[in-house]
Amino acid sequence: MTLLGLLGLMILFILLALRMPVALSMLGVGFVGTAIAN
């Protein structure tokens, strides 16, 4: 779970660096991350 959280944050910051909208980046990472975690 710890590694999953770190990967989620890393992917989120990569998306932000690519100028993806903040809301959509968080939505995507949170949605996919919730599925994987469960």
PDB file of all heavy atoms in Angstrom:
ATOM      1  N   MET A   1       0.821  -1.206   0.000  1.00  0.00           N
ATOM      2  CA  MET A   1       0.000   0.000   0.000  1.00  0.00           C
ATOM      3  C   MET A   1       0.862   1.268   0.000  1.00  0.00           C
ATOM      4  O   MET A   1       0.533   2.256  -0.653  1.00  0.00           O
ATOM      5  CB  MET A   1      -0.945  -0.015   1.202  1.00  0.00           C
ATOM      6  CG  MET A   1      -2.090  -1.012   1.065  1.00  0.00           C
ATOM      7  SD  MET A   1      -3.139  -0.573  -0.321  1.00  0.00           S
ATOM      8  CE  MET A   1      -4.367  -1.870  -0.215  1.00  0.00           C
ATOM      9  N   THR A   2       1.963   1.226   0.731  1.00  0.00           N
ATOM     10  CA  THR A   2       2.850   2.398   0.774  1.00  0.00           C
ATOM     11  C   THR A   2       3.414   2.695  -0.602  1.00  0.00           C
ATOM     12  O   THR A   2       3.426   3.846  -1.055  1.00  0.00           O
ATOM     13  CB  THR A   2       3.986   2.169   1.775  1.00  0.00           C
ATOM     14  OG1 THR A   2       3.445   1.910   3.069  1.00  0.00           O
ATOM     15  CG2 THR A   2       4.894   3.392   1.838  1.00  0.00           C
ATOM     16  N   LEU A   3       3.866   1.648  -1.292  1.00  0.00           N
ATOM     17  CA  LEU A   3       4.419   1.824  -2.639  1.00  0.00           C
ATOM     18  C   LEU A   3       3.341   2.320  -3.595  1.00  0.00           C
ATOM     19  O   LEU A   3       3.599   3.176  -4.444  1.00  0.00           O
ATOM     20  CB  LEU A   3       5.009   0.502  -3.141  1.00  0.00           C
ATOM     21  CG  LEU A   3       5.621   0.541  -4.548  1.00  0.00           C
ATOM     22  CD1 LEU A   3       6.739   1.581  -4.616  1.00  0.00           C
ATOM     23  CD2 LEU A   3       6.146  -0.849  -4.946  1.00  0.00           C
ATOM     24  N   LEU A   4       2.120   1.801  -3.426  1.00  0.00           N
ATOM     25  CA  LEU A   4       1.010   2.247  -4.275  1.00  0.00           C
ATOM     26  C   LEU A   4       0.741   3.738  -4.075  1.00  0.00           C
ATOM     27  O   LEU A   4       0.516   4.483  -5.040  1.00  0.00           O
ATOM     28  CB  LEU A   4      -0.250   1.437  -3.959  1.00  0.00           C
ATOM     29  CG  LEU A   4      -1.513   1.824  -4.740  1.00  0.00           C
ATOM     30  CD1 LEU A   4      -1.300   1.645  -6.233  1.00  0.00           C
ATOM     31  CD2 LEU A   4      -2.714   1.003  -4.259  1.00  0.00           C
ATOM     32  N   GLY A   5       0.769   4.186  -2.824  1.00  0.00           N
ATOM     33  CA  GLY A   5       0.568   5.597  -2.544  1.00  0.00           C
ATOM     34  C   GLY A   5       1.652   6.468  -3.154  1.00  0.00           C
ATOM     35  O   GLY A   5       1.373   7.515  -3.747  1.00  0.00           O
ATOM     36  N   LEU A   6       2.904   6.037  -3.038  1.00  0.00           N
ATOM     37  CA  LEU A   6       4.022   6.787  -3.616  1.00  0.00           C
ATOM     38  C   LEU A   6       3.933   6.833  -5.140  1.00  0.00           C
ATOM     39  O   LEU A   6       4.183   7.872  -5.752  1.00  0.00           O
ATOM     40  CB  LEU A   6       5.348   6.170  -3.176  1.00  0.00           C
ATOM     41  CG  LEU A   6       5.697   6.326  -1.690  1.00  0.00           C
ATOM     42  CD1 LEU A   6       6.931   5.503  -1.342  1.00  0.00           C
ATOM     43  CD2 LEU A   6       5.921   7.794  -1.336  1.00  0.00           C
ATOM     44  N   LEU A   7       3.558   5.690  -5.743  1.00  0.00           N
ATOM     45  CA  LEU A   7       3.400   5.655  -7.198  1.00  0.00           C
ATOM     46  C   LEU A   7       2.270   6.582  -7.644  1.00  0.00           C
ATOM     47  O   LEU A   7       2.383   7.278  -8.659  1.00  0.00           O
ATOM     48  CB  LEU A   7       3.114   4.218  -7.655  1.00  0.00           C
ATOM     49  CG  LEU A   7       4.300   3.253  -7.687  1.00  0.00           C
ATOM     50  CD1 LEU A   7       3.836   1.839  -8.005  1.00  0.00           C
ATOM     51  CD2 LEU A   7       5.341   3.717  -8.711  1.00  0.00           C
ATOM     52  N   GLY A   8       1.175   6.589  -6.861  1.00  0.00           N
ATOM     53  CA  GLY A   8       0.067   7.475  -7.186  1.00  0.00           C
ATOM     54  C   GLY A   8       0.483   8.934  -7.169  1.00  0.00           C
ATOM     55  O   GLY A   8       0.155   9.695  -8.082  1.00  0.00           O
ATOM     56  N   LEU A   9       1.231   9.327  -6.140  1.00  0.00           N
ATOM     57  CA  LEU A   9       1.703  10.713  -6.060  1.00  0.00           C
ATOM     58  C   LEU A   9       2.659  11.038  -7.198  1.00  0.00           C
ATOM     59  O   LEU A   9       2.597  12.122  -7.792  1.00  0.00           O
ATOM     60  CB  LEU A   9       2.388  10.944  -4.711  1.00  0.00           C
ATOM     61  CG  LEU A   9       1.475  11.034  -3.484  1.00  0.00           C
ATOM     62  CD1 LEU A   9       2.314  11.134  -2.216  1.00  0.00           C
ATOM     63  CD2 LEU A   9       0.531  12.223  -3.590  1.00  0.00           C
ATOM     64  N   MET A  10       3.549  10.076  -7.523  1.00  0.00           N
ATOM     65  CA  MET A  10       4.513  10.311  -8.596  1.00  0.00           C
ATOM     66  C   MET A  10       3.802  10.492  -9.940  1.00  0.00           C
ATOM     67  O   MET A  10       4.098  11.417 -10.701  1.00  0.00           O
ATOM     68  CB  MET A  10       5.495   9.144  -8.681  1.00  0.00           C
ATOM     69  CG  MET A  10       6.602   9.338  -9.722  1.00  0.00           C
ATOM     70  SD  MET A  10       7.776   7.967  -9.740  1.00  0.00           S
ATOM     71  CE  MET A  10       6.738   6.690 -10.466  1.00  0.00           C
ATOM     72  N   ILE A  11       2.820   9.621 -10.227  1.00  0.00           N
ATOM     73  CA  ILE A  11       2.066   9.735 -11.477  1.00  0.00           C
ATOM     74  C   ILE A  11       1.299  11.053 -11.511  1.00  0.00           C
ATOM     75  O   ILE A  11       1.222  11.718 -12.561  1.00  0.00           O
ATOM     76  CB  ILE A  11       1.104   8.535 -11.628  1.00  0.00           C
ATOM     77  CG1 ILE A  11       1.905   7.248 -11.842  1.00  0.00           C
ATOM     78  CG2 ILE A  11       0.136   8.759 -12.792  1.00  0.00           C
ATOM     79  CD1 ILE A  11       1.073   5.989 -11.767  1.00  0.00           C
ATOM     80  N   LEU A  12       0.753  11.454 -10.367  1.00  0.00           N
ATOM     81  CA  LEU A  12       0.011  12.709 -10.300  1.00  0.00           C
ATOM     82  C   LEU A  12       0.905  13.888 -10.655  1.00  0.00           C
ATOM     83  O   LEU A  12       0.526  14.757 -11.460  1.00  0.00           O
ATOM     84  CB  LEU A  12      -0.582  12.887  -8.901  1.00  0.00           C
ATOM     85  CG  LEU A  12      -1.389  14.161  -8.659  1.00  0.00           C
ATOM     86  CD1 LEU A  12      -2.578  14.238  -9.601  1.00  0.00           C
ATOM     87  CD2 LEU A  12      -1.852  14.233  -7.214  1.00  0.00           C
ATOM     88  N   PHE A  13       2.108  13.934 -10.097  1.00  0.00           N
ATOM     89  CA  PHE A  13       3.007  15.048 -10.376  1.00  0.00           C
ATOM     90  C   PHE A  13       3.509  15.008 -11.821  1.00  0.00           C
ATOM     91  O   PHE A  13       3.749  16.058 -12.426  1.00  0.00           O
ATOM     92  CB  PHE A  13       4.180  15.040  -9.393  1.00  0.00           C
ATOM     93  CG  PHE A  13       3.826  15.610  -8.047  1.00  0.00           C
ATOM     94  CD1 PHE A  13       3.729  14.796  -6.928  1.00  0.00           C
ATOM     95  CD2 PHE A  13       3.571  16.954  -7.897  1.00  0.00           C
ATOM     96  CE1 PHE A  13       3.392  15.325  -5.683  1.00  0.00           C
ATOM     97  CE2 PHE A  13       3.234  17.500  -6.654  1.00  0.00           C
ATOM     98  CZ  PHE A  13       3.142  16.671  -5.550  1.00  0.00           C
ATOM     99  N   ILE A  14       3.645  13.812 -12.394  1.00  0.00           N
ATOM    100  CA  ILE A  14       4.030  13.704 -13.803  1.00  0.00           C
ATOM    101  C   ILE A  14       2.926  14.292 -14.693  1.00  0.00           C
ATOM    102  O   ILE A  14       3.193  15.048 -15.635  1.00  0.00           O
ATOM    103  CB  ILE A  14       4.313  12.237 -14.184  1.00  0.00           C
ATOM    104  CG1 ILE A  14       5.609  11.758 -13.520  1.00  0.00           C
ATOM    105  CG2 ILE A  14       4.420  12.078 -15.707  1.00  0.00           C
ATOM    106  CD1 ILE A  14       5.882  10.278 -13.701  1.00  0.00           C
ATOM    107  N   LEU A  15       1.673  13.954 -14.367  1.00  0.00           N
ATOM    108  CA  LEU A  15       0.548  14.495 -15.128  1.00  0.00           C
ATOM    109  C   LEU A  15       0.485  16.015 -15.020  1.00  0.00           C
ATOM    110  O   LEU A  15       0.226  16.711 -16.009  1.00  0.00           O
ATOM    111  CB  LEU A  15      -0.766  13.879 -14.634  1.00  0.00           C
ATOM    112  CG  LEU A  15      -0.980  12.391 -14.937  1.00  0.00           C
ATOM    113  CD1 LEU A  15      -2.244  11.887 -14.253  1.00  0.00           C
ATOM    114  CD2 LEU A  15      -1.063  12.158 -16.439  1.00  0.00           C
ATOM    115  N   LEU A  16       0.746  16.530 -13.816  1.00  0.00           N
ATOM    116  CA  LEU A  16       0.734  17.985 -13.636  1.00  0.00           C
ATOM    117  C   LEU A  16       1.871  18.641 -14.416  1.00  0.00           C
ATOM    118  O   LEU A  16       1.706  19.716 -14.986  1.00  0.00           O
ATOM    119  CB  LEU A  16       0.839  18.334 -12.146  1.00  0.00           C
ATOM    120  CG  LEU A  16      -0.354  17.937 -11.273  1.00  0.00           C
ATOM    121  CD1 LEU A  16      -0.075  18.262  -9.817  1.00  0.00           C
ATOM    122  CD2 LEU A  16      -1.623  18.640 -11.741  1.00  0.00           C
ATOM    123  N   ALA A  17       3.032  17.962 -14.437  1.00  0.00           N
ATOM    124  CA  ALA A  17       4.164  18.490 -15.202  1.00  0.00           C
ATOM    125  C   ALA A  17       3.868  18.507 -16.697  1.00  0.00           C
ATOM    126  O   ALA A  17       4.386  19.356 -17.437  1.00  0.00           O
ATOM    127  CB  ALA A  17       5.419  17.658 -14.932  1.00  0.00           C
ATOM    128  N   LEU A  18       3.006  17.586 -17.154  1.00  0.00           N
ATOM    129  CA  LEU A  18       2.599  17.535 -18.558  1.00  0.00           C
ATOM    130  C   LEU A  18       1.453  18.500 -18.852  1.00  0.00           C
ATOM    131  O   LEU A  18       0.874  18.458 -19.928  1.00  0.00           O
ATOM    132  CB  LEU A  18       2.192  16.105 -18.928  1.00  0.00           C
ATOM    133  CG  LEU A  18       3.319  15.058 -18.900  1.00  0.00           C
ATOM    134  CD1 LEU A  18       2.768  13.662 -19.134  1.00  0.00           C
ATOM    135  CD2 LEU A  18       4.385  15.395 -19.938  1.00  0.00           C
ATOM    136  N   ARG A  19       1.112  19.337 -17.869  1.00  0.00           N
ATOM    137  CA  ARG A  19       0.088  20.379 -17.989  1.00  0.00           C
ATOM    138  C   ARG A  19      -1.324  19.821 -18.087  1.00  0.00           C
ATOM    139  O   ARG A  19      -2.225  20.449 -18.627  1.00  0.00           O
ATOM    140  CB  ARG A  19       0.352  21.290 -19.206  1.00  0.00           C
ATOM    141  CG  ARG A  19       1.775  21.776 -19.357  1.00  0.00           C
ATOM    142  CD  ARG A  19       2.263  22.523 -18.144  1.00  0.00           C
ATOM    143  NE  ARG A  19       1.557  23.780 -17.926  1.00  0.00           N
ATOM    144  CZ  ARG A  19       1.748  24.584 -16.883  1.00  0.00           C
ATOM    145  NH1 ARG A  19       2.598  24.234 -15.930  1.00  0.00           N
ATOM    146  NH2 ARG A  19       1.071  25.704 -16.779  1.00  0.00           N
ATOM    147  N   MET A  20      -1.538  18.632 -17.520  1.00  0.00           N
ATOM    148  CA  MET A  20      -2.896  18.096 -17.428  1.00  0.00           C
ATOM    149  C   MET A  20      -3.671  18.906 -16.385  1.00  0.00           C
ATOM    150  O   MET A  20      -3.096  19.350 -15.389  1.00  0.00           O
ATOM    151  CB  MET A  20      -2.855  16.628 -17.012  1.00  0.00           C
ATOM    152  CG  MET A  20      -2.471  15.682 -18.123  1.00  0.00           C
ATOM    153  SD  MET A  20      -3.796  15.470 -19.319  1.00  0.00           S
ATOM    154  CE  MET A  20      -4.975  14.521 -18.345  1.00  0.00           C
ATOM    155  N   PRO A  21      -4.965  19.117 -16.577  1.00  0.00           N
ATOM    156  CA  PRO A  21      -5.751  19.825 -15.562  1.00  0.00           C
ATOM    157  C   PRO A  21      -5.662  19.140 -14.202  1.00  0.00           C
ATOM    158  O   PRO A  21      -5.686  17.904 -14.124  1.00  0.00           O
ATOM    159  CB  PRO A  21      -7.182  19.759 -16.113  1.00  0.00           C
ATOM    160  CG  PRO A  21      -7.015  19.589 -17.584  1.00  0.00           C
ATOM    161  CD  PRO A  21      -5.775  18.768 -17.758  1.00  0.00           C
ATOM    162  N   VAL A  22      -5.543  19.948 -13.157  1.00  0.00           N
ATOM    163  CA  VAL A  22      -5.353  19.403 -11.809  1.00  0.00           C
ATOM    164  C   VAL A  22      -6.507  18.492 -11.417  1.00  0.00           C
ATOM    165  O   VAL A  22      -6.309  17.378 -10.920  1.00  0.00           O
ATOM    166  CB  VAL A  22      -5.215  20.553 -10.785  1.00  0.00           C
ATOM    167  CG1 VAL A  22      -5.175  20.002  -9.368  1.00  0.00           C
ATOM    168  CG2 VAL A  22      -3.977  21.361 -11.071  1.00  0.00           C
ATOM    169  N   ALA A  23      -7.735  18.959 -11.639  1.00  0.00           N
ATOM    170  CA  ALA A  23      -8.904  18.183 -11.214  1.00  0.00           C
ATOM    171  C   ALA A  23      -8.948  16.828 -11.913  1.00  0.00           C
ATOM    172  O   ALA A  23      -9.172  15.791 -11.277  1.00  0.00           O
ATOM    173  CB  ALA A  23     -10.180  18.966 -11.495  1.00  0.00           C
ATOM    174  N   LEU A  24      -8.733  16.802 -13.237  1.00  0.00           N
ATOM    175  CA  LEU A  24      -8.794  15.546 -13.975  1.00  0.00           C
ATOM    176  C   LEU A  24      -7.649  14.619 -13.583  1.00  0.00           C
ATOM    177  O   LEU A  24      -7.820  13.389 -13.543  1.00  0.00           O
ATOM    178  CB  LEU A  24      -8.769  15.823 -15.479  1.00  0.00           C
ATOM    179  CG  LEU A  24      -9.970  16.595 -16.037  1.00  0.00           C
ATOM    180  CD1 LEU A  24      -9.846  16.780 -17.541  1.00  0.00           C
ATOM    181  CD2 LEU A  24     -11.270  15.877 -15.692  1.00  0.00           C
ATOM    182  N   SER A  25      -6.484  15.190 -13.295  1.00  0.00           N
ATOM    183  CA  SER A  25      -5.342  14.370 -12.857  1.00  0.00           C
ATOM    184  C   SER A  25      -5.645  13.688 -11.531  1.00  0.00           C
ATOM    185  O   SER A  25      -5.426  12.484 -11.361  1.00  0.00           O
ATOM    186  CB  SER A  25      -4.089  15.240 -12.727  1.00  0.00           C
ATOM    187  OG  SER A  25      -3.742  15.829 -13.959  1.00  0.00           O
ATOM    188  N   MET A  26      -6.165  14.455 -10.571  1.00  0.00           N
ATOM    189  CA  MET A  26      -6.510  13.892  -9.266  1.00  0.00           C
ATOM    190  C   MET A  26      -7.635  12.871  -9.389  1.00  0.00           C
ATOM    191  O   MET A  26      -7.609  11.820  -8.738  1.00  0.00           O
ATOM    192  CB  MET A  26      -6.925  15.001  -8.310  1.00  0.00           C
ATOM    193  CG  MET A  26      -5.806  15.932  -7.909  1.00  0.00           C
ATOM    194  SD  MET A  26      -6.389  17.205  -6.776  1.00  0.00           S
ATOM    195  CE  MET A  26      -6.829  16.240  -5.368  1.00  0.00           C
ATOM    196  N   LEU A  27      -8.609  13.175 -10.230  1.00  0.00           N
ATOM    197  CA  LEU A  27      -9.743  12.273 -10.423  1.00  0.00           C
ATOM    198  C   LEU A  27      -9.276  10.931 -10.988  1.00  0.00           C
ATOM    199  O   LEU A  27      -9.672   9.864 -10.506  1.00  0.00           O
ATOM    200  CB  LEU A  27     -10.757  12.922 -11.359  1.00  0.00           C
ATOM    201  CG  LEU A  27     -12.196  12.422 -11.326  1.00  0.00           C
ATOM    202  CD1 LEU A  27     -12.815  12.654  -9.957  1.00  0.00           C
ATOM    203  CD2 LEU A  27     -13.021  13.129 -12.391  1.00  0.00           C
ATOM    204  N   GLY A  28      -8.419  10.996 -12.005  1.00  0.00           N
ATOM    205  CA  GLY A  28      -7.928   9.770 -12.628  1.00  0.00           C
ATOM    206  C   GLY A  28      -7.085   8.933 -11.692  1.00  0.00           C
ATOM    207  O   GLY A  28      -7.284   7.714 -11.558  1.00  0.00           O
ATOM    208  N   VAL A  29      -6.131   9.577 -11.008  1.00  0.00           N
ATOM    209  CA  VAL A  29      -5.255   8.844 -10.089  1.00  0.00           C
ATOM    210  C   VAL A  29      -6.061   8.276  -8.916  1.00  0.00           C
ATOM    211  O   VAL A  29      -5.863   7.126  -8.510  1.00  0.00           O
ATOM    212  CB  VAL A  29      -4.121   9.767  -9.580  1.00  0.00           C
ATOM    213  CG1 VAL A  29      -3.336   9.090  -8.459  1.00  0.00           C
ATOM    214  CG2 VAL A  29      -3.192  10.140 -10.719  1.00  0.00           C
ATOM    215  N   GLY A  30      -6.985   9.074  -8.374  1.00  0.00           N
ATOM    216  CA  GLY A  30      -7.790   8.604  -7.255  1.00  0.00           C
ATOM    217  C   GLY A  30      -8.691   7.440  -7.639  1.00  0.00           C
ATOM    218  O   GLY A  30      -8.816   6.464  -6.888  1.00  0.00           O
ATOM    219  N   PHE A  31      -9.296   7.511  -8.834  1.00  0.00           N
ATOM    220  CA  PHE A  31     -10.201   6.450  -9.297  1.00  0.00           C
ATOM    221  C   PHE A  31      -9.449   5.135  -9.527  1.00  0.00           C
ATOM    222  O   PHE A  31      -9.811   4.085  -8.989  1.00  0.00           O
ATOM    223  CB  PHE A  31     -10.894   6.901 -10.583  1.00  0.00           C
ATOM    224  CG  PHE A  31     -11.745   5.847 -11.224  1.00  0.00           C
ATOM    225  CD1 PHE A  31     -12.952   5.465 -10.664  1.00  0.00           C
ATOM    226  CD2 PHE A  31     -11.331   5.222 -12.396  1.00  0.00           C
ATOM    227  CE1 PHE A  31     -13.738   4.490 -11.256  1.00  0.00           C
ATOM    228  CE2 PHE A  31     -12.101   4.249 -12.996  1.00  0.00           C
ATOM    229  CZ  PHE A  31     -13.317   3.883 -12.429  1.00  0.00           C
ATOM    230  N   VAL A  32      -8.388   5.203 -10.324  1.00  0.00           N
ATOM    231  CA  VAL A  32      -7.620   3.988 -10.622  1.00  0.00           C
ATOM    232  C   VAL A  32      -6.941   3.464  -9.362  1.00  0.00           C
ATOM    233  O   VAL A  32      -6.922   2.250  -9.103  1.00  0.00           O
ATOM    234  CB  VAL A  32      -6.577   4.264 -11.731  1.00  0.00           C
ATOM    235  CG1 VAL A  32      -5.695   3.035 -11.952  1.00  0.00           C
ATOM    236  CG2 VAL A  32      -7.268   4.667 -13.018  1.00  0.00           C
ATOM    237  N   GLY A  33      -6.400   4.356  -8.543  1.00  0.00           N
ATOM    238  CA  GLY A  33      -5.728   3.939  -7.318  1.00  0.00           C
ATOM    239  C   GLY A  33      -6.670   3.255  -6.348  1.00  0.00           C
ATOM    240  O   GLY A  33      -6.301   2.264  -5.694  1.00  0.00           O
ATOM    241  N   THR A  34      -7.913   3.754  -6.253  1.00  0.00           N
ATOM    242  CA  THR A  34      -8.906   3.126  -5.368  1.00  0.00           C
ATOM    243  C   THR A  34      -9.211   1.705  -5.823  1.00  0.00           C
ATOM    244  O   THR A  34      -9.325   0.782  -5.002  1.00  0.00           O
ATOM    245  CB  THR A  34     -10.204   3.964  -5.353  1.00  0.00           C
ATOM    246  OG1 THR A  34      -9.915   5.265  -4.843  1.00  0.00           O
ATOM    247  CG2 THR A  34     -11.263   3.303  -4.481  1.00  0.00           C
ATOM    248  N   ALA A  35      -9.335   1.520  -7.137  1.00  0.00           N
ATOM    249  CA  ALA A  35      -9.600   0.175  -7.673  1.00  0.00           C
ATOM    250  C   ALA A  35      -8.448  -0.774  -7.354  1.00  0.00           C
ATOM    251  O   ALA A  35      -8.671  -1.915  -6.894  1.00  0.00           O
ATOM    252  CB  ALA A  35      -9.826   0.259  -9.184  1.00  0.00           C
ATOM    253  N   ILE A  36      -7.223  -0.326  -7.582  1.00  0.00           N
ATOM    254  CA  ILE A  36      -6.058  -1.188  -7.338  1.00  0.00           C
ATOM    255  C   ILE A  36      -5.918  -1.499  -5.849  1.00  0.00           C
ATOM    256  O   ILE A  36      -5.658  -2.649  -5.454  1.00  0.00           O
ATOM    257  CB  ILE A  36      -4.779  -0.523  -7.879  1.00  0.00           C
ATOM    258  CG1 ILE A  36      -4.860  -0.366  -9.403  1.00  0.00           C
ATOM    259  CG2 ILE A  36      -3.539  -1.322  -7.484  1.00  0.00           C
ATOM    260  CD1 ILE A  36      -3.714   0.424  -9.999  1.00  0.00           C
ATOM    261  N   ALA A  37      -6.098  -0.480  -4.996  1.00  0.00           N
ATOM    262  CA  ALA A  37      -5.940  -0.673  -3.557  1.00  0.00           C
ATOM    263  C   ALA A  37      -6.960  -1.671  -3.019  1.00  0.00           C
ATOM    264  O   ALA A  37      -6.622  -2.567  -2.231  1.00  0.00           O
ATOM    265  CB  ALA A  37      -6.072   0.664  -2.839  1.00  0.00           C
ATOM    266  N   ASN A  38      -8.206  -1.540  -3.435  1.00  0.00           N
ATOM    267  CA  ASN A  38      -9.243  -2.464  -2.961  1.00  0.00           C
ATOM    268  C   ASN A  38      -9.032  -3.869  -3.498  1.00  0.00           C
ATOM    269  O   ASN A  38      -9.258  -4.858  -2.790  1.00  0.00           O
ATOM    270  CB  ASN A  38     -10.628  -1.944  -3.357  1.00  0.00           C
ATOM    271  CG  ASN A  38     -11.121  -0.839  -2.435  1.00  0.00           C
ATOM    272  OD1 ASN A  38     -11.443  -1.079  -1.270  1.00  0.00           O
ATOM    273  ND2 ASN A  38     -11.153   0.387  -2.936  1.00  0.00           N
TER     274      ASN A  38
END
